[in-house]
Amino acid sequence: MTWSDLLDGLEAELAADTSPAQPWHAPANLGPIPAHLEERARAILRAQADRARALRAERDALRGHLDALDRIPQSQPDAVYLDVDG
């Protein structure tokens, strides 16, 4: 694997709007990033940070909605019987 391959994969994950199921660990045998790829790597890092902020905001909004739903009083008991004939 080369640095270009690694960056290609990270960009593809960002474009596909997916997140890996496992924690990501940098490959050990790549060595230092070549100077000509540094800006590309920085752009990917910025995009990942933007995605993380957006996901946190979405999570917080969903928590707010769930909290609001939990505050709605339950005036009717849960149904015990279902009328299948009527």
PDB file of N, CA and C in Angstrom:
ATOM      1  N   MET A   1       0.849  -1.174   0.000  1.00  0.00           N
ATOM      2  CA  MET A   1       0.000   0.000   0.000  1.00  0.00           C
ATOM      3  C   MET A   1       0.895   1.237   0.000  1.00  0.00           C
ATOM      4  N   THR A   2       0.482   2.231  -0.769  1.00  0.00           N
ATOM      5  CA  THR A   2       1.209   3.498  -0.836  1.00  0.00           C
ATOM      6  C   THR A   2       0.380   4.581  -0.161  1.00  0.00           C
ATOM      7  N   TRP A   3       0.998   5.745   0.056  1.00  0.00           N
ATOM      8  CA  TRP A   3       0.265   6.878   0.627  1.00  0.00           C
ATOM      9  C   TRP A   3      -0.896   7.280  -0.280  1.00  0.00           C
ATOM     10  N   SER A   4      -0.682   7.230  -1.576  1.00  0.00           N
ATOM     11  CA  SER A   4      -1.760   7.568  -2.515  1.00  0.00           C
ATOM     12  C   SER A   4      -2.931   6.604  -2.370  1.00  0.00           C
ATOM     13  N   ASP A   5      -2.631   5.315  -2.231  1.00  0.00           N
ATOM     14  CA  ASP A   5      -3.696   4.322  -2.029  1.00  0.00           C
ATOM     15  C   ASP A   5      -4.467   4.609  -0.744  1.00  0.00           C
ATOM     16  N   LEU A   6      -3.737   4.901   0.310  1.00  0.00           N
ATOM     17  CA  LEU A   6      -4.374   5.182   1.599  1.00  0.00           C
ATOM     18  C   LEU A   6      -5.287   6.402   1.502  1.00  0.00           C
ATOM     19  N   LEU A   7      -4.780   7.468   0.904  1.00  0.00           N
ATOM     20  CA  LEU A   7      -5.579   8.686   0.758  1.00  0.00           C
ATOM     21  C   LEU A   7      -6.781   8.448  -0.151  1.00  0.00           C
ATOM     22  N   ASP A   8      -6.601   7.656  -1.198  1.00  0.00           N
ATOM     23  CA  ASP A   8      -7.731   7.299  -2.066  1.00  0.00           C
ATOM     24  C   ASP A   8      -8.837   6.625  -1.255  1.00  0.00           C
ATOM     25  N   GLY A   9      -8.455   5.686  -0.398  1.00  0.00           N
ATOM     26  CA  GLY A   9      -9.432   4.977   0.420  1.00  0.00           C
ATOM     27  C   GLY A   9     -10.153   5.896   1.390  1.00  0.00           C
ATOM     28  N   LEU A  10      -9.412   6.800   2.016  1.00  0.00           N
ATOM     29  CA  LEU A  10     -10.035   7.746   2.949  1.00  0.00           C
ATOM     30  C   LEU A  10     -11.000   8.682   2.226  1.00  0.00           C
ATOM     31  N   GLU A  11     -10.606   9.143   1.046  1.00  0.00           N
ATOM     32  CA  GLU A  11     -11.497   9.996   0.259  1.00  0.00           C
ATOM     33  C   GLU A  11     -12.739   9.233  -0.171  1.00  0.00           C
ATOM     34  N   ALA A  12     -12.583   7.977  -0.543  1.00  0.00           N
ATOM     35  CA  ALA A  12     -13.739   7.170  -0.955  1.00  0.00           C
ATOM     36  C   ALA A  12     -14.708   6.989   0.211  1.00  0.00           C
ATOM     37  N   GLU A  13     -14.201   6.768   1.420  1.00  0.00           N
ATOM     38  CA  GLU A  13     -15.071   6.643   2.588  1.00  0.00           C
ATOM     39  C   GLU A  13     -15.831   7.933   2.850  1.00  0.00           C
ATOM     40  N   LEU A  14     -15.160   9.054   2.706  1.00  0.00           N
ATOM     41  CA  LEU A  14     -15.841  10.343   2.893  1.00  0.00           C
ATOM     42  C   LEU A  14     -16.918  10.561   1.838  1.00  0.00           C
ATOM     43  N   ALA A  15     -16.612  10.220   0.598  1.00  0.00           N
ATOM     44  CA  ALA A  15     -17.565  10.420  -0.492  1.00  0.00           C
ATOM     45  C   ALA A  15     -18.769   9.495  -0.356  1.00  0.00           C
ATOM     46  N   ALA A  16     -18.536   8.285   0.168  1.00  0.00           N
ATOM     47  CA  ALA A  16     -19.620   7.316   0.304  1.00  0.00           C
ATOM     48  C   ALA A  16     -20.450   7.572   1.555  1.00  0.00           C
ATOM     49  N   ASP A  17     -20.013   8.499   2.407  1.00  0.00           N
ATOM     50  CA  ASP A  17     -20.718   8.825   3.642  1.00  0.00           C
ATOM     51  C   ASP A  17     -20.887   7.588   4.515  1.00  0.00           C
ATOM     52  N   THR A  18     -19.835   6.809   4.620  1.00  0.00           N
ATOM     53  CA  THR A  18     -19.854   5.618   5.466  1.00  0.00           C
ATOM     54  C   THR A  18     -18.796   5.769   6.541  1.00  0.00           C
ATOM     55  N   SER A  19     -18.952   5.030   7.561  1.00  0.00           N
ATOM     56  CA  SER A  19     -17.923   5.013   8.588  1.00  0.00           C
ATOM     57  C   SER A  19     -17.479   3.567   8.787  1.00  0.00           C
ATOM     58  N   PRO A  20     -16.204   3.377   9.004  1.00  0.00           N
ATOM     59  CA  PRO A  20     -15.734   2.014   9.191  1.00  0.00           C
ATOM     60  C   PRO A  20     -16.286   1.408  10.478  1.00  0.00           C
ATOM     61  N   ALA A  21     -16.516   0.117  10.455  1.00  0.00           N
ATOM     62  CA  ALA A  21     -17.053  -0.569  11.625  1.00  0.00           C
ATOM     63  C   ALA A  21     -15.984  -0.741  12.695  1.00  0.00           C
ATOM     64  N   GLN A  22     -14.748  -0.755  12.310  1.00  0.00           N
ATOM     65  CA  GLN A  22     -13.643  -0.954  13.244  1.00  0.00           C
ATOM     66  C   GLN A  22     -12.832   0.330  13.354  1.00  0.00           C
ATOM     67  N   PRO A  23     -12.177   0.525  14.497  1.00  0.00           N
ATOM     68  CA  PRO A  23     -11.288   1.693  14.599  1.00  0.00           C
ATOM     69  C   PRO A  23     -10.204   1.630  13.532  1.00  0.00           C
ATOM     70  N   TRP A  24      -9.830   2.766  13.025  1.00  0.00           N
ATOM     71  CA  TRP A  24      -8.827   2.829  11.974  1.00  0.00           C
ATOM     72  C   TRP A  24      -7.449   2.998  12.590  1.00  0.00           C
ATOM     73  N   HIS A  25      -6.491   2.262  12.061  1.00  0.00           N
ATOM     74  CA  HIS A  25      -5.105   2.390  12.476  1.00  0.00           C
ATOM     75  C   HIS A  25      -4.264   2.590  11.221  1.00  0.00           C
ATOM     76  N   ALA A  26      -3.376   3.546  11.290  1.00  0.00           N
ATOM     77  CA  ALA A  26      -2.518   3.825  10.139  1.00  0.00           C
ATOM     78  C   ALA A  26      -1.619   2.629   9.844  1.00  0.00           C
ATOM     79  N   PRO A  27      -1.429   2.308   8.579  1.00  0.00           N
ATOM     80  CA  PRO A  27      -0.489   1.237   8.231  1.00  0.00           C
ATOM     81  C   PRO A  27       0.906   1.580   8.744  1.00  0.00           C
ATOM     82  N   ALA A  28       1.618   0.584   9.176  1.00  0.00           N
ATOM     83  CA  ALA A  28       2.914   0.802   9.818  1.00  0.00           C
ATOM     84  C   ALA A  28       4.064   0.981   8.836  1.00  0.00           C
ATOM     85  N   ASN A  29       3.928   0.515   7.620  1.00  0.00           N
ATOM     86  CA  ASN A  29       5.078   0.465   6.716  1.00  0.00           C
ATOM     87  C   ASN A  29       5.113   1.562   5.665  1.00  0.00           C
ATOM     88  N   LEU A  30       4.365   2.634   5.849  1.00  0.00           N
ATOM     89  CA  LEU A  30       4.337   3.669   4.811  1.00  0.00           C
ATOM     90  C   LEU A  30       5.482   4.664   4.931  1.00  0.00           C
ATOM     91  N   GLY A  31       6.000   4.875   6.102  1.00  0.00           N
ATOM     92  CA  GLY A  31       7.028   5.891   6.285  1.00  0.00           C
ATOM     93  C   GLY A  31       6.403   7.271   6.274  1.00  0.00           C
ATOM     94  N   PRO A  32       7.228   8.294   6.255  1.00  0.00           N
ATOM     95  CA  PRO A  32       6.701   9.668   6.268  1.00  0.00           C
ATOM     96  C   PRO A  32       5.904   9.960   4.994  1.00  0.00           C
ATOM     97  N   ILE A  33       4.922  10.820   5.137  1.00  0.00           N
ATOM     98  CA  ILE A  33       4.110  11.183   3.971  1.00  0.00           C
ATOM     99  C   ILE A  33       4.953  12.054   3.030  1.00  0.00           C
ATOM    100  N   PRO A  34       4.905  11.782   1.750  1.00  0.00           N
ATOM    101  CA  PRO A  34       5.647  12.619   0.795  1.00  0.00           C
ATOM    102  C   PRO A  34       5.109  14.054   0.795  1.00  0.00           C
ATOM    103  N   ALA A  35       5.993  14.993   0.598  1.00  0.00           N
ATOM    104  CA  ALA A  35       5.634  16.408   0.643  1.00  0.00           C
ATOM    105  C   ALA A  35       4.528  16.745  -0.349  1.00  0.00           C
ATOM    106  N   HIS A  36       4.517  16.125  -1.514  1.00  0.00           N
ATOM    107  CA  HIS A  36       3.523  16.470  -2.529  1.00  0.00           C
ATOM    108  C   HIS A  36       2.118  15.969  -2.152  1.00  0.00           C
ATOM    109  N   LEU A  37       1.992  15.120  -1.120  1.00  0.00           N
ATOM    110  CA  LEU A  37       0.680  14.627  -0.695  1.00  0.00           C
ATOM    111  C   LEU A  37       0.193  15.274   0.605  1.00  0.00           C
ATOM    112  N   GLU A  38       1.030  16.136   1.186  1.00  0.00           N
ATOM    113  CA  GLU A  38       0.670  16.729   2.477  1.00  0.00           C
ATOM    114  C   GLU A  38      -0.619  17.537   2.422  1.00  0.00           C
ATOM    115  N   GLU A  39      -0.790  18.381   1.422  1.00  0.00           N
ATOM    116  CA  GLU A  39      -1.997  19.217   1.347  1.00  0.00           C
ATOM    117  C   GLU A  39      -3.239  18.351   1.132  1.00  0.00           C
ATOM    118  N   ARG A  40      -3.109  17.315   0.351  1.00  0.00           N
ATOM    119  CA  ARG A  40      -4.231  16.390   0.146  1.00  0.00           C
ATOM    120  C   ARG A  40      -4.620  15.734   1.471  1.00  0.00           C
ATOM    121  N   ALA A  41      -3.635  15.315   2.240  1.00  0.00           N
ATOM    122  CA  ALA A  41      -3.901  14.711   3.549  1.00  0.00           C
ATOM    123  C   ALA A  41      -4.553  15.724   4.488  1.00  0.00           C
ATOM    124  N   ARG A  42      -4.097  16.970   4.460  1.00  0.00           N
ATOM    125  CA  ARG A  42      -4.707  18.021   5.299  1.00  0.00           C
ATOM    126  C   ARG A  42      -6.163  18.255   4.899  1.00  0.00           C
ATOM    127  N   ALA A  43      -6.439  18.236   3.607  1.00  0.00           N
ATOM    128  CA  ALA A  43      -7.813  18.429   3.133  1.00  0.00           C
ATOM    129  C   ALA A  43      -8.711  17.282   3.610  1.00  0.00           C
ATOM    130  N   ILE A  44      -8.199  16.072   3.593  1.00  0.00           N
ATOM    131  CA  ILE A  44      -8.966  14.920   4.085  1.00  0.00           C
ATOM    132  C   ILE A  44      -9.210  15.069   5.579  1.00  0.00           C
ATOM    133  N   LEU A  45      -8.202  15.490   6.313  1.00  0.00           N
ATOM    134  CA  LEU A  45      -8.348  15.688   7.756  1.00  0.00           C
ATOM    135  C   LEU A  45      -9.409  16.747   8.057  1.00  0.00           C
ATOM    136  N   ARG A  46      -9.398  17.843   7.284  1.00  0.00           N
ATOM    137  CA  ARG A  46     -10.424  18.889   7.474  1.00  0.00           C
ATOM    138  C   ARG A  46     -11.817  18.338   7.177  1.00  0.00           C
ATOM    139  N   ALA A  47     -11.934  17.556   6.107  1.00  0.00           N
ATOM    140  CA  ALA A  47     -13.233  16.979   5.750  1.00  0.00           C
ATOM    141  C   ALA A  47     -13.711  15.998   6.822  1.00  0.00           C
ATOM    142  N   GLN A  48     -12.786  15.223   7.378  1.00  0.00           N
ATOM    143  CA  GLN A  48     -13.164  14.305   8.450  1.00  0.00           C
ATOM    144  C   GLN A  48     -13.615  15.073   9.693  1.00  0.00           C
ATOM    145  N   ALA A  49     -12.937  16.158  10.015  1.00  0.00           N
ATOM    146  CA  ALA A  49     -13.329  16.974  11.167  1.00  0.00           C
ATOM    147  C   ALA A  49     -14.706  17.592  10.933  1.00  0.00           C
ATOM    148  N   ASP A  50     -14.950  18.064   9.713  1.00  0.00           N
ATOM    149  CA  ASP A  50     -16.274  18.606   9.384  1.00  0.00           C
ATOM    150  C   ASP A  50     -17.349  17.545   9.535  1.00  0.00           C
ATOM    151  N   ARG A  51     -17.067  16.332   9.054  1.00  0.00           N
ATOM    152  CA  ARG A  51     -18.022  15.221   9.165  1.00  0.00           C
ATOM    153  C   ARG A  51     -18.290  14.901  10.628  1.00  0.00           C
ATOM    154  N   ALA A  52     -17.236  14.877  11.448  1.00  0.00           N
ATOM    155  CA  ALA A  52     -17.393  14.577  12.870  1.00  0.00           C
ATOM    156  C   ALA A  52     -18.260  15.633  13.546  1.00  0.00           C
ATOM    157  N   ARG A  53     -18.053  16.915  13.218  1.00  0.00           N
ATOM    158  CA  ARG A  53     -18.891  17.986  13.783  1.00  0.00           C
ATOM    159  C   ARG A  53     -20.342  17.818  13.359  1.00  0.00           C
ATOM    160  N   ALA A  54     -20.561  17.504  12.094  1.00  0.00           N
ATOM    161  CA  ALA A  54     -21.932  17.326  11.602  1.00  0.00           C
ATOM    162  C   ALA A  54     -22.609  16.141  12.280  1.00  0.00           C
ATOM    163  N   LEU A  55     -21.881  15.062  12.468  1.00  0.00           N
ATOM    164  CA  LEU A  55     -22.448  13.890  13.129  1.00  0.00           C
ATOM    165  C   LEU A  55     -22.769  14.182  14.596  1.00  0.00           C
ATOM    166  N   ARG A  56     -21.897  14.928  15.266  1.00  0.00           N
ATOM    167  CA  ARG A  56     -22.186  15.303  16.661  1.00  0.00           C
ATOM    168  C   ARG A  56     -23.423  16.177  16.736  1.00  0.00           C
ATOM    169  N   ALA A  57     -23.558  17.126  15.815  1.00  0.00           N
ATOM    170  CA  ALA A  57     -24.736  17.996  15.805  1.00  0.00           C
ATOM    171  C   ALA A  57     -26.001  17.191  15.537  1.00  0.00           C
ATOM    172  N   GLU A  58     -25.925  16.246  14.608  1.00  0.00           N
ATOM    173  CA  GLU A  58     -27.079  15.395  14.314  1.00  0.00           C
ATOM    174  C   GLU A  58     -27.440  14.538  15.519  1.00  0.00           C
ATOM    175  N   ARG A  59     -26.431  13.969  16.162  1.00  0.00           N
ATOM    176  CA  ARG A  59     -26.664  13.159  17.366  1.00  0.00           C
ATOM    177  C   ARG A  59     -27.335  13.994  18.456  1.00  0.00           C
ATOM    178  N   ASP A  60     -26.835  15.219  18.670  1.00  0.00           N
ATOM    179  CA  ASP A  60     -27.410  16.075  19.701  1.00  0.00           C
ATOM    180  C   ASP A  60     -28.856  16.447  19.373  1.00  0.00           C
ATOM    181  N   ALA A  61     -29.142  16.699  18.104  1.00  0.00           N
ATOM    182  CA  ALA A  61     -30.518  17.011  17.698  1.00  0.00           C
ATOM    183  C   ALA A  61     -31.431  15.817  17.926  1.00  0.00           C
ATOM    184  N   LEU A  62     -30.957  14.632  17.584  1.00  0.00           N
ATOM    185  CA  LEU A  62     -31.762  13.428  17.798  1.00  0.00           C
ATOM    186  C   LEU A  62     -32.008  13.186  19.284  1.00  0.00           C
ATOM    187  N   ARG A  63     -30.990  13.423  20.104  1.00  0.00           N
ATOM    188  CA  ARG A  63     -31.178  13.286  21.550  1.00  0.00           C
ATOM    189  C   ARG A  63     -32.249  14.262  22.043  1.00  0.00           C
ATOM    190  N   GLY A  64     -32.224  15.474  21.513  1.00  0.00           N
ATOM    191  CA  GLY A  64     -33.237  16.455  21.887  1.00  0.00           C
ATOM    192  C   GLY A  64     -34.633  15.991  21.512  1.00  0.00           C
ATOM    193  N   HIS A  65     -34.786  15.428  20.328  1.00  0.00           N
ATOM    194  CA  HIS A  65     -36.092  14.911  19.901  1.00  0.00           C
ATOM    195  C   HIS A  65     -36.539  13.756  20.787  1.00  0.00           C
ATOM    196  N   LEU A  66     -35.626  12.861  21.099  1.00  0.00           N
ATOM    197  CA  LEU A  66     -35.971  11.723  21.960  1.00  0.00           C
ATOM    198  C   LEU A  66     -36.342  12.194  23.368  1.00  0.00           C
ATOM    199  N   ASP A  67     -35.614  13.179  23.872  1.00  0.00           N
ATOM    200  CA  ASP A  67     -35.955  13.732  25.191  1.00  0.00           C
ATOM    201  C   ASP A  67     -37.345  14.355  25.170  1.00  0.00           C
ATOM    202  N   ALA A  68     -37.680  15.066  24.087  1.00  0.00           N
ATOM    203  CA  ALA A  68     -39.005  15.667  23.973  1.00  0.00           C
ATOM    204  C   ALA A  68     -40.083  14.596  23.935  1.00  0.00           C
ATOM    205  N   LEU A  69     -39.843  13.529  23.217  1.00  0.00           N
ATOM    206  CA  LEU A  69     -40.817  12.435  23.168  1.00  0.00           C
ATOM    207  C   LEU A  69     -41.000  11.792  24.538  1.00  0.00           C
ATOM    208  N   ASP A  70     -39.922  11.672  25.288  1.00  0.00           N
ATOM    209  CA  ASP A  70     -40.015  11.090  26.630  1.00  0.00           C
ATOM    210  C   ASP A  70     -40.835  11.961  27.579  1.00  0.00           C
ATOM    211  N   ARG A  71     -40.918  13.266  27.302  1.00  0.00           N
ATOM    212  CA  ARG A  71     -41.688  14.166  28.175  1.00  0.00           C
ATOM    213  C   ARG A  71     -43.180  14.181  27.868  1.00  0.00           C
ATOM    214  N   ILE A  72     -43.588  13.556  26.778  1.00  0.00           N
ATOM    215  CA  ILE A  72     -45.015  13.518  26.440  1.00  0.00           C
ATOM    216  C   ILE A  72     -45.692  12.527  27.367  1.00  0.00           C
ATOM    217  N   PRO A  73     -46.712  12.992  28.114  1.00  0.00           N
ATOM    218  CA  PRO A  73     -47.382  12.070  29.034  1.00  0.00           C
ATOM    219  C   PRO A  73     -48.132  10.989  28.264  1.00  0.00           C
ATOM    220  N   GLN A  74     -48.102   9.806  28.812  1.00  0.00           N
ATOM    221  CA  GLN A  74     -48.809   8.674  28.223  1.00  0.00           C
ATOM    222  C   GLN A  74     -50.195   8.615  28.849  1.00  0.00           C
ATOM    223  N   SER A  75     -51.204   9.121  28.134  1.00  0.00           N
ATOM    224  CA  SER A  75     -52.552   9.192  28.694  1.00  0.00           C
ATOM    225  C   SER A  75     -53.327   7.895  28.494  1.00  0.00           C
ATOM    226  N   GLN A  76     -52.957   7.120  27.531  1.00  0.00           N
ATOM    227  CA  GLN A  76     -53.651   5.865  27.260  1.00  0.00           C
ATOM    228  C   GLN A  76     -52.745   4.699  27.643  1.00  0.00           C
ATOM    229  N   PRO A  77     -53.298   3.694  28.324  1.00  0.00           N
ATOM    230  CA  PRO A  77     -52.475   2.513  28.589  1.00  0.00           C
ATOM    231  C   PRO A  77     -52.204   1.774  27.279  1.00  0.00           C
ATOM    232  N   ASP A  78     -51.187   1.005  27.285  1.00  0.00           N
ATOM    233  CA  ASP A  78     -50.872   0.208  26.098  1.00  0.00           C
ATOM    234  C   ASP A  78     -51.998  -0.780  25.823  1.00  0.00           C
ATOM    235  N   ALA A  79     -52.283  -1.017  24.553  1.00  0.00           N
ATOM    236  CA  ALA A  79     -53.340  -1.956  24.167  1.00  0.00           C
ATOM    237  C   ALA A  79     -52.989  -3.363  24.650  1.00  0.00           C
ATOM    238  N   VAL A  80     -53.996  -4.038  25.148  1.00  0.00           N
ATOM    239  CA  VAL A  80     -53.802  -5.392  25.616  1.00  0.00           C
ATOM    240  C   VAL A  80     -54.389  -6.386  24.629  1.00  0.00           C
ATOM    241  N   TYR A  81     -55.494  -6.006  23.962  1.00  0.00           N
ATOM    242  CA  TYR A  81     -56.187  -6.895  23.027  1.00  0.00           C
ATOM    243  C   TYR A  81     -56.264  -6.210  21.668  1.00  0.00           C
ATOM    244  N   LEU A  82     -56.294  -6.997  20.636  1.00  0.00           N
ATOM    245  CA  LEU A  82     -56.403  -6.497  19.282  1.00  0.00           C
ATOM    246  C   LEU A  82     -57.645  -7.080  18.665  1.00  0.00           C
ATOM    247  N   ASP A  83     -58.544  -6.214  18.183  1.00  0.00           N
ATOM    248  CA  ASP A  83     -59.786  -6.653  17.542  1.00  0.00           C
ATOM    249  C   ASP A  83     -59.490  -6.978  16.086  1.00  0.00           C
ATOM    250  N   VAL A  84     -59.449  -8.254  15.766  1.00  0.00           N
ATOM    251  CA  VAL A  84     -59.139  -8.661  14.395  1.00  0.00           C
ATOM    252  C   VAL A  84     -60.384  -8.943  13.581  1.00  0.00           C
ATOM    253  N   ASP A  85     -61.575  -8.970  14.222  1.00  0.00           N
ATOM    254  CA  ASP A  85     -62.820  -9.243  13.534  1.00  0.00           C
ATOM    255  C   ASP A  85     -63.553  -7.984  13.126  1.00  0.00           C
ATOM    256  N   GLY A  86     -63.304  -6.896  13.804  1.00  0.00           N
ATOM    257  CA  GLY A  86     -64.159  -5.769  13.722  1.00  0.00           C
ATOM    258  C   GLY A  86     -63.951  -4.675  12.839  1.00  0.00           C
TER     259      GLY A  86
END
